Amino acid sequence: MKVFEKFKIIRKNIENACESSGRNPEVVHVVAVTKYVSIERAEEAVEAGLIHLGENRDEGLLSKWDVLQDKPQWHFIGSLQTRKVKHIIDKVSYIHSLDRLSLAKEIHKRADKPVSCFVQVNVSGEDSKHGLSPQEVKQFIGSLKDFTNIKVVGLMTMAPHTDDEPFLRTCFRQLKTIQEEINALNLPYAPCTELSMGMSNDYMIAIEEGATFIRIGTALVGND
């Protein structure tokens, strides 16, 4: 199936999820995760009308950037090593994996303008996942005050790959609660209005619980 056809299905699902939860579908942005697909498939995604593409490795992002340049908005969605920041910092619109002070320092040092960042939170507590614990988020964001090249636009989490819907909802709701708490602080450098959560298997649940950016790979662009 063509990306255009898959995108049409996903947009309908977004509308349904927003209707059931009383939300405006226009506030939900789809990030096409192109990390497992060819440059040609990424081009097809852009031609289908997708304006957000996500990569989790600098090599993948750079190879696709060489062809697509700034036609899409690029999202770095994987764990980011500090030594790799310099390679991608002038090419990405969003970084979804800010989770430690050393990375914040490097982003601030290498950027020539404020970078929109999501603070990654490990709400499920899984050892295999990166991110701050929910209890660490406020203090961490407070420590970013003097990093003028970082703008904390929101929070990100990776939910467990499970069919346990109540548990998924608990994870997403917990992130939403933290996001609202940070937003209420009215920090100029951390408006924290966005939630990056939900992937191919759970994005409709994530939308119902407040997601504004959903990261979809397999269900949208495939994995080849």
Protein backbone atom coordinates (compact mmCIF):
# COMPACT_ATOMS: atom_id res chain seq x y z
CA MET A 1 0.00 0.00 0.00
CA LYS A 2 1.23 3.47 -0.87
CA VAL A 3 2.16 5.90 1.88
CA PHE A 4 -0.57 8.25 0.68
CA GLU A 5 -3.22 5.56 1.24
CA LYS A 6 -1.84 4.65 4.67
CA PHE A 7 -1.72 8.31 5.66
CA LYS A 8 -5.37 8.69 4.68
CA ILE A 9 -6.31 5.80 6.99
CA ILE A 10 -4.25 7.22 9.85
CA ARG A 11 -5.80 10.66 9.47
CA LYS A 12 -9.26 9.08 9.70
CA ASN A 13 -8.19 7.21 12.84
CA ILE A 14 -6.90 10.48 14.30
CA GLU A 15 -10.25 12.12 13.61
CA ASN A 16 -12.07 9.26 15.30
CA ALA A 17 -9.79 9.32 18.36
CA CYS A 18 -10.19 13.09 18.66
CA GLU A 19 -13.96 12.88 18.27
CA SER A 20 -14.21 10.31 21.05
CA SER A 21 -12.08 12.45 23.38
CA GLY A 22 -13.39 15.89 22.45
CA ARG A 23 -10.17 17.12 20.86
CA ASN A 24 -9.35 19.04 17.70
CA PRO A 25 -7.52 16.77 15.21
CA GLU A 26 -5.57 19.76 13.92
CA VAL A 27 -3.44 19.78 17.07
CA VAL A 28 -2.20 16.23 16.43
CA HIS A 29 0.94 16.06 14.29
CA VAL A 30 2.12 12.86 12.60
CA VAL A 31 5.86 12.16 12.60
CA ALA A 32 6.65 9.57 9.94
CA VAL A 33 9.42 7.42 11.41
CA THR A 34 11.64 6.65 8.43
CA LYS A 35 14.53 4.99 10.25
CA TYR A 36 13.95 1.55 8.69
CA VAL A 37 13.02 2.63 5.18
CA SER A 38 14.82 3.75 2.06
CA ILE A 39 15.39 7.31 0.96
CA GLU A 40 12.87 6.67 -1.81
CA ARG A 41 10.22 5.71 0.73
CA ALA A 42 10.98 8.85 2.74
CA GLU A 43 10.56 10.89 -0.45
CA GLU A 44 7.21 9.20 -1.01
CA ALA A 45 6.16 10.21 2.51
CA VAL A 46 6.95 13.86 1.78
CA GLU A 47 5.09 13.67 -1.53
CA ALA A 48 2.10 12.22 0.35
CA GLY A 49 1.90 15.39 2.40
CA LEU A 50 3.81 14.44 5.53
CA ILE A 51 5.82 17.39 6.82
CA HIS A 52 7.43 15.72 9.85
CA LEU A 53 10.03 12.93 9.43
CA GLY A 54 11.74 11.18 12.34
CA GLU A 55 15.13 9.46 12.49
CA ASN A 56 16.88 7.85 15.46
CA ARG A 57 20.46 7.75 14.17
CA ASP A 58 22.59 10.53 12.82
CA GLU A 59 23.71 8.46 9.84
CA GLY A 60 20.15 7.84 8.71
CA LEU A 61 19.17 11.44 9.14
CA LEU A 62 22.18 12.76 7.25
CA SER A 63 21.76 10.38 4.31
CA LYS A 64 18.13 11.41 3.88
CA TRP A 65 18.95 15.07 4.46
CA ASP A 66 21.34 14.96 1.51
CA VAL A 67 18.36 14.23 -0.73
CA LEU A 68 15.39 15.89 0.96
CA GLN A 69 17.19 18.82 2.64
CA ASP A 70 14.67 20.92 4.57
CA LYS A 71 11.54 19.90 2.65
CA PRO A 72 10.29 18.14 5.80
CA GLN A 73 10.82 19.15 9.40
CA TRP A 74 13.29 16.68 10.86
CA HIS A 75 12.81 15.11 14.27
CA PHE A 76 15.60 13.27 16.07
CA ILE A 77 13.69 10.66 18.06
CA GLY A 78 16.37 8.26 19.31
CA SER A 79 18.82 8.36 22.17
CA LEU A 80 21.33 11.05 21.23
CA GLN A 81 25.00 10.71 22.11
CA THR A 82 26.65 14.00 22.98
CA ARG A 83 29.40 13.44 20.40
CA LYS A 84 26.76 13.16 17.66
CA VAL A 85 25.01 16.44 18.44
CA LYS A 86 27.29 18.50 16.18
CA HIS A 87 26.35 16.35 13.19
CA ILE A 88 22.60 16.96 13.34
CA ILE A 89 22.01 20.12 15.33
CA ASP A 90 21.65 22.46 12.35
CA LYS A 91 19.32 20.07 10.51
CA VAL A 92 16.66 19.14 13.05
CA SER A 93 13.57 21.06 14.11
CA TYR A 94 12.93 18.88 17.17
CA ILE A 95 14.90 16.62 19.49
CA HIS A 96 12.68 14.14 21.34
CA SER A 97 15.25 12.61 23.67
CA LEU A 98 16.66 15.22 26.02
CA ASP A 99 17.30 13.27 29.21
CA ARG A 100 20.54 14.44 30.84
CA LEU A 101 22.45 17.60 31.62
CA SER A 102 25.52 16.66 29.55
CA LEU A 103 23.33 16.45 26.44
CA ALA A 104 21.67 19.77 27.24
CA LYS A 105 25.08 21.42 27.56
CA GLU A 106 26.18 20.07 24.19
CA ILE A 107 22.98 21.14 22.43
CA HIS A 108 23.29 24.62 23.90
CA LYS A 109 26.95 24.81 22.89
CA ARG A 110 26.47 23.63 19.31
CA ALA A 111 23.21 25.35 18.38
CA ASP A 112 23.13 28.84 16.92
CA LYS A 113 19.45 29.34 17.79
CA PRO A 114 16.95 27.81 20.26
CA VAL A 115 16.19 24.14 19.54
CA SER A 116 12.77 22.71 20.32
CA CYS A 117 13.32 19.79 22.69
CA PHE A 118 11.15 17.18 24.35
CA VAL A 119 12.34 15.91 27.71
CA GLN A 120 12.20 12.12 27.65
CA VAL A 121 10.43 10.49 30.59
CA ASN A 122 10.47 6.79 31.41
CA VAL A 123 6.97 6.59 32.84
CA SER A 124 6.80 2.79 32.69
CA GLY A 125 10.00 2.34 34.68
CA GLU A 126 11.39 -0.25 32.27
CA ASP A 127 15.14 -0.81 32.53
CA SER A 128 15.39 -1.10 28.75
CA LYS A 129 14.13 2.44 28.19
CA HIS A 130 15.95 5.75 28.38
CA GLY A 131 14.58 8.80 30.09
CA LEU A 132 14.14 10.48 33.44
CA SER A 133 11.91 9.07 36.13
CA PRO A 134 8.70 11.07 36.63
CA GLN A 135 10.09 12.33 39.95
CA GLU A 136 13.16 13.82 38.27
CA VAL A 137 11.45 15.87 35.58
CA LYS A 138 10.75 19.14 37.43
CA GLN A 139 14.22 19.43 38.88
CA PHE A 140 15.84 18.61 35.53
CA ILE A 141 13.81 21.21 33.66
CA GLY A 142 14.67 23.73 36.36
CA SER A 143 18.36 23.08 35.70
CA LEU A 144 17.94 24.14 32.05
CA LYS A 145 17.09 27.76 32.84
CA ASP A 146 20.38 29.24 31.64
CA PHE A 147 20.61 27.18 28.44
CA THR A 148 19.19 29.80 26.10
CA ASN A 149 19.52 27.55 23.04
CA ILE A 150 17.11 25.00 24.49
CA LYS A 151 13.36 25.39 24.45
CA VAL A 152 11.46 22.63 26.25
CA VAL A 153 8.34 22.39 24.11
CA GLY A 154 7.05 19.25 25.79
CA LEU A 155 7.59 15.77 27.13
CA MET A 156 8.13 12.45 25.37
CA THR A 157 7.72 8.86 26.41
CA MET A 158 7.90 5.40 24.88
CA ALA A 159 5.15 3.24 26.28
CA PRO A 160 5.60 -0.52 26.71
CA HIS A 161 4.80 -2.67 23.70
CA THR A 162 1.73 -4.32 25.15
CA ASP A 163 -1.95 -4.94 24.51
CA ASP A 164 -2.75 -3.95 28.10
CA GLU A 165 -4.83 -0.87 27.33
CA PRO A 166 -5.44 0.19 30.95
CA PHE A 167 -1.68 0.14 31.60
CA LEU A 168 -0.99 2.14 28.43
CA ARG A 169 -3.55 4.72 29.45
CA THR A 170 -1.97 4.96 32.88
CA CYS A 171 1.43 5.67 31.31
CA PHE A 172 0.06 8.31 28.94
CA ARG A 173 -2.03 9.97 31.62
CA GLN A 174 0.95 10.19 33.93
CA LEU A 175 2.95 12.01 31.25
CA LYS A 176 0.00 14.33 30.61
CA THR A 177 -0.18 15.16 34.32
CA ILE A 178 3.53 16.03 34.47
CA GLN A 179 3.23 18.12 31.30
CA GLU A 180 0.39 20.13 32.82
CA GLU A 181 2.37 20.67 36.01
CA ILE A 182 5.38 22.01 34.08
CA ASN A 183 3.17 24.15 31.85
CA ALA A 184 1.54 25.70 34.94
CA LEU A 185 4.95 26.97 36.10
CA ASN A 186 4.91 29.46 33.19
CA LEU A 187 8.62 29.08 32.49
CA PRO A 188 9.61 31.14 29.42
CA TYR A 189 12.19 28.55 28.35
CA ALA A 190 9.89 25.59 29.01
CA PRO A 191 6.33 26.24 27.81
CA CYS A 192 5.84 22.46 27.75
CA THR A 193 2.64 22.49 25.72
CA GLU A 194 3.31 19.33 23.70
CA LEU A 195 3.22 15.58 24.28
CA SER A 196 5.18 13.21 22.04
CA MET A 197 3.69 9.78 22.70
CA GLY A 198 2.06 6.98 20.76
CA MET A 199 3.39 4.78 17.97
CA SER A 200 1.94 2.41 15.38
CA ASN A 201 0.36 0.06 17.91
CA ASP A 202 -1.04 2.56 20.40
CA TYR A 203 -1.35 5.99 18.80
CA MET A 204 -5.14 6.18 19.04
CA ILE A 205 -4.99 5.56 22.78
CA ALA A 206 -2.22 8.16 23.07
CA ILE A 207 -4.33 10.72 21.21
CA GLU A 208 -7.28 10.09 23.50
CA GLU A 209 -4.96 10.78 26.43
CA GLY A 210 -3.56 14.03 25.02
CA ALA A 211 -0.78 13.32 22.50
CA THR A 212 0.07 16.18 20.14
CA PHE A 213 2.89 14.41 18.28
CA ILE A 214 2.57 10.73 17.37
CA ARG A 215 5.54 8.82 15.96
CA ILE A 216 4.44 6.26 13.36
CA GLY A 217 6.70 3.97 11.38
CA THR A 218 5.39 0.54 10.40
CA ALA A 219 1.74 1.54 10.01
CA LEU A 220 2.65 4.47 7.78
CA VAL A 221 5.87 3.95 5.83
CA GLY A 222 6.52 0.27 6.53
CA ASN A 223 9.85 -1.14 7.67
CA ASP A 224 11.73 -1.98 4.49
